[in-house]
Amino acid sequence: MNQEGEKKTLGLAIASLVMGCLVLIPILGLLFSLLAVIFGGIALVKISNNAALYKGKGLAVSGIILGGVGFVIIPIIAILLAIVIPSSLRAKENAEMHGQQTIAVNDEVSVSSNENR
């Protein structure tokens, strides 16, 4: 063990957990997912090879899990956005073509006809 008699938390394990927590940041999420899995894997190997010196296995495993979840969730979110955004733009264009006005009030969209005015 080290001089104080306590194990040192491996920095890569902490980095893995931090990268795993940053997975939901738009555009960079896949990069953070990849880094979380890589750092977590390296940390697990180092911790098991030097168990007397290092701790942080739970942090590394958590980072790997969050990174894996990011790999699954981010493509699903991207597909949903690719469907929803064009559909909502078409709906808005349709409403404007038919003389209707869209009004956003408290995050709710209502459609009213311009004919009544």
C-alpha atoms as a PDB file:
ATOM      1  CA  MET A   1       0.000   0.000   0.000  1.00  0.00           C
ATOM      2  CA  ASN A   2       1.019   3.631  -0.233  1.00  0.00           C
ATOM      3  CA  GLN A   3       2.535   5.664   2.611  1.00  0.00           C
ATOM      4  CA  GLU A   4      -0.731   6.566   4.351  1.00  0.00           C
ATOM      5  CA  GLY A   5      -1.983   3.000   4.201  1.00  0.00           C
ATOM      6  CA  GLU A   6      -5.002   4.011   2.115  1.00  0.00           C
ATOM      7  CA  LYS A   7      -5.755   3.151  -1.469  1.00  0.00           C
ATOM      8  CA  LYS A   8      -5.741   5.977  -3.988  1.00  0.00           C
ATOM      9  CA  THR A   9      -8.799   6.466  -6.230  1.00  0.00           C
ATOM     10  CA  LEU A  10      -7.660   6.038  -9.813  1.00  0.00           C
ATOM     11  CA  GLY A  11      -8.120   9.210 -11.869  1.00  0.00           C
ATOM     12  CA  LEU A  12      -9.278   7.277 -14.939  1.00  0.00           C
ATOM     13  CA  ALA A  13     -12.154   5.834 -12.930  1.00  0.00           C
ATOM     14  CA  ILE A  14     -13.256   9.340 -11.965  1.00  0.00           C
ATOM     15  CA  ALA A  15     -12.831  10.523 -15.567  1.00  0.00           C
ATOM     16  CA  SER A  16     -14.961   7.611 -16.776  1.00  0.00           C
ATOM     17  CA  LEU A  17     -17.790   8.556 -14.431  1.00  0.00           C
ATOM     18  CA  VAL A  18     -17.563  12.241 -15.386  1.00  0.00           C
ATOM     19  CA  MET A  19     -17.630  11.411 -19.120  1.00  0.00           C
ATOM     20  CA  GLY A  20     -20.582   9.114 -18.499  1.00  0.00           C
ATOM     21  CA  CYS A  21     -22.457  11.960 -16.806  1.00  0.00           C
ATOM     22  CA  LEU A  22     -21.781  14.262 -19.781  1.00  0.00           C
ATOM     23  CA  VAL A  23     -23.360  11.826 -22.258  1.00  0.00           C
ATOM     24  CA  LEU A  24     -26.558  13.846 -22.700  1.00  0.00           C
ATOM     25  CA  ILE A  25     -24.802  16.988 -23.928  1.00  0.00           C
ATOM     26  CA  PRO A  26     -26.013  17.518 -27.509  1.00  0.00           C
ATOM     27  CA  ILE A  27     -23.627  16.741 -30.371  1.00  0.00           C
ATOM     28  CA  LEU A  28     -20.776  15.656 -28.071  1.00  0.00           C
ATOM     29  CA  GLY A  29     -22.726  12.848 -26.404  1.00  0.00           C
ATOM     30  CA  LEU A  30     -21.329  10.041 -28.552  1.00  0.00           C
ATOM     31  CA  LEU A  31     -17.770  11.242 -27.965  1.00  0.00           C
ATOM     32  CA  PHE A  32     -18.352  11.332 -24.200  1.00  0.00           C
ATOM     33  CA  SER A  33     -19.932   7.858 -24.360  1.00  0.00           C
ATOM     34  CA  LEU A  34     -16.903   6.473 -26.140  1.00  0.00           C
ATOM     35  CA  LEU A  35     -14.486   8.124 -23.706  1.00  0.00           C
ATOM     36  CA  ALA A  36     -16.477   6.868 -20.704  1.00  0.00           C
ATOM     37  CA  VAL A  37     -16.263   3.271 -21.928  1.00  0.00           C
ATOM     38  CA  ILE A  38     -12.560   3.530 -22.832  1.00  0.00           C
ATOM     39  CA  PHE A  39     -11.511   5.239 -19.588  1.00  0.00           C
ATOM     40  CA  GLY A  40     -13.639   2.830 -17.560  1.00  0.00           C
ATOM     41  CA  GLY A  41     -12.126  -0.203 -19.243  1.00  0.00           C
ATOM     42  CA  ILE A  42      -8.574   1.013 -18.728  1.00  0.00           C
ATOM     43  CA  ALA A  43      -9.342   1.892 -15.102  1.00  0.00           C
ATOM     44  CA  LEU A  44     -10.790  -1.567 -14.401  1.00  0.00           C
ATOM     45  CA  VAL A  45      -7.669  -3.240 -15.787  1.00  0.00           C
ATOM     46  CA  LYS A  46      -5.328  -0.993 -13.776  1.00  0.00           C
ATOM     47  CA  ILE A  47      -7.370  -1.448 -10.584  1.00  0.00           C
ATOM     48  CA  SER A  48      -7.427  -5.241 -10.886  1.00  0.00           C
ATOM     49  CA  ASN A  49      -3.675  -5.357 -11.659  1.00  0.00           C
ATOM     50  CA  ASN A  50      -2.830  -3.082  -8.699  1.00  0.00           C
ATOM     51  CA  ALA A  51      -5.608  -3.794  -6.223  1.00  0.00           C
ATOM     52  CA  ALA A  52      -3.358  -2.938  -3.283  1.00  0.00           C
ATOM     53  CA  LEU A  53      -2.743   0.596  -4.608  1.00  0.00           C
ATOM     54  CA  TYR A  54      -5.934   1.679  -6.337  1.00  0.00           C
ATOM     55  CA  LYS A  55      -9.650   1.841  -5.677  1.00  0.00           C
ATOM     56  CA  GLY A  56     -12.506   3.159  -7.809  1.00  0.00           C
ATOM     57  CA  LYS A  57     -13.881   0.018  -9.417  1.00  0.00           C
ATOM     58  CA  GLY A  58     -17.458   1.190  -8.799  1.00  0.00           C
ATOM     59  CA  LEU A  59     -16.731   4.555 -10.435  1.00  0.00           C
ATOM     60  CA  ALA A  60     -15.250   2.839 -13.481  1.00  0.00           C
ATOM     61  CA  VAL A  61     -18.177   0.425 -13.808  1.00  0.00           C
ATOM     62  CA  SER A  62     -20.658   3.298 -13.447  1.00  0.00           C
ATOM     63  CA  GLY A  63     -18.864   5.221 -16.186  1.00  0.00           C
ATOM     64  CA  ILE A  64     -18.957   2.206 -18.486  1.00  0.00           C
ATOM     65  CA  ILE A  65     -22.679   1.706 -17.851  1.00  0.00           C
ATOM     66  CA  LEU A  66     -23.500   5.384 -18.454  1.00  0.00           C
ATOM     67  CA  GLY A  67     -21.394   5.355 -21.621  1.00  0.00           C
ATOM     68  CA  GLY A  68     -23.220   2.269 -22.870  1.00  0.00           C
ATOM     69  CA  VAL A  69     -26.580   3.832 -22.099  1.00  0.00           C
ATOM     70  CA  GLY A  70     -25.464   6.877 -24.083  1.00  0.00           C
ATOM     71  CA  PHE A  71     -24.657   4.687 -27.090  1.00  0.00           C
ATOM     72  CA  VAL A  72     -28.221   3.351 -26.969  1.00  0.00           C
ATOM     73  CA  ILE A  73     -30.164   6.542 -26.135  1.00  0.00           C
ATOM     74  CA  ILE A  74     -28.434   9.081 -28.387  1.00  0.00           C
ATOM     75  CA  PRO A  75     -29.336   7.361 -31.698  1.00  0.00           C
ATOM     76  CA  ILE A  76     -32.934   6.930 -30.502  1.00  0.00           C
ATOM     77  CA  ILE A  77     -33.164  10.640 -29.670  1.00  0.00           C
ATOM     78  CA  ALA A  78     -31.625  11.529 -33.053  1.00  0.00           C
ATOM     79  CA  ILE A  79     -34.148   9.356 -34.920  1.00  0.00           C
ATOM     80  CA  LEU A  80     -37.069  10.844 -32.991  1.00  0.00           C
ATOM     81  CA  LEU A  81     -35.861  14.380 -33.711  1.00  0.00           C
ATOM     82  CA  ALA A  82     -35.413  13.516 -37.386  1.00  0.00           C
ATOM     83  CA  ILE A  83     -39.091  12.495 -37.467  1.00  0.00           C
ATOM     84  CA  VAL A  84     -40.599  15.201 -35.250  1.00  0.00           C
ATOM     85  CA  ILE A  85     -38.878  18.325 -36.572  1.00  0.00           C
ATOM     86  CA  PRO A  86     -39.836  17.958 -40.274  1.00  0.00           C
ATOM     87  CA  SER A  87     -43.368  16.901 -39.314  1.00  0.00           C
ATOM     88  CA  SER A  88     -43.888  19.953 -37.130  1.00  0.00           C
ATOM     89  CA  LEU A  89     -42.503  22.247 -39.831  1.00  0.00           C
ATOM     90  CA  ARG A  90     -44.919  20.737 -42.385  1.00  0.00           C
ATOM     91  CA  ALA A  91     -47.817  21.159 -39.955  1.00  0.00           C
ATOM     92  CA  LYS A  92     -46.908  24.812 -39.468  1.00  0.00           C
ATOM     93  CA  GLU A  93     -46.672  25.375 -43.239  1.00  0.00           C
ATOM     94  CA  ASN A  94     -50.044  23.652 -43.730  1.00  0.00           C
ATOM     95  CA  ALA A  95     -51.656  25.828 -41.076  1.00  0.00           C
ATOM     96  CA  GLU A  96     -50.266  28.986 -42.664  1.00  0.00           C
ATOM     97  CA  MET A  97     -51.380  27.898 -46.157  1.00  0.00           C
ATOM     98  CA  HIS A  98     -54.966  27.383 -44.983  1.00  0.00           C
ATOM     99  CA  GLY A  99     -55.182  30.798 -43.369  1.00  0.00           C
ATOM    100  CA  GLN A 100     -54.677  29.611 -39.839  1.00  0.00           C
ATOM    101  CA  GLN A 101     -52.322  31.179 -37.375  1.00  0.00           C
ATOM    102  CA  THR A 102     -50.326  29.191 -34.850  1.00  0.00           C
ATOM    103  CA  ILE A 103     -49.929  30.773 -31.451  1.00  0.00           C
ATOM    104  CA  ALA A 104     -47.681  29.405 -28.729  1.00  0.00           C
ATOM    105  CA  VAL A 105     -49.044  30.074 -25.254  1.00  0.00           C
ATOM    106  CA  ASN A 106     -47.357  28.536 -22.207  1.00  0.00           C
ATOM    107  CA  ASP A 107     -45.697  25.847 -24.336  1.00  0.00           C
ATOM    108  CA  GLU A 108     -49.078  24.834 -25.782  1.00  0.00           C
ATOM    109  CA  VAL A 109     -49.787  25.477 -29.430  1.00  0.00           C
ATOM    110  CA  SER A 110     -53.253  26.509 -30.470  1.00  0.00           C
ATOM    111  CA  VAL A 111     -54.483  27.059 -33.991  1.00  0.00           C
ATOM    112  CA  SER A 112     -56.960  29.793 -34.765  1.00  0.00           C
ATOM    113  CA  SER A 113     -58.549  30.766 -38.038  1.00  0.00           C
ATOM    114  CA  ASN A 114     -57.959  34.227 -39.480  1.00  0.00           C
ATOM    115  CA  GLU A 115     -61.495  34.192 -40.925  1.00  0.00           C
ATOM    116  CA  ASN A 116     -63.091  35.160 -37.578  1.00  0.00           C
ATOM    117  CA  ARG A 117     -61.090  38.371 -37.310  1.00  0.00           C
END
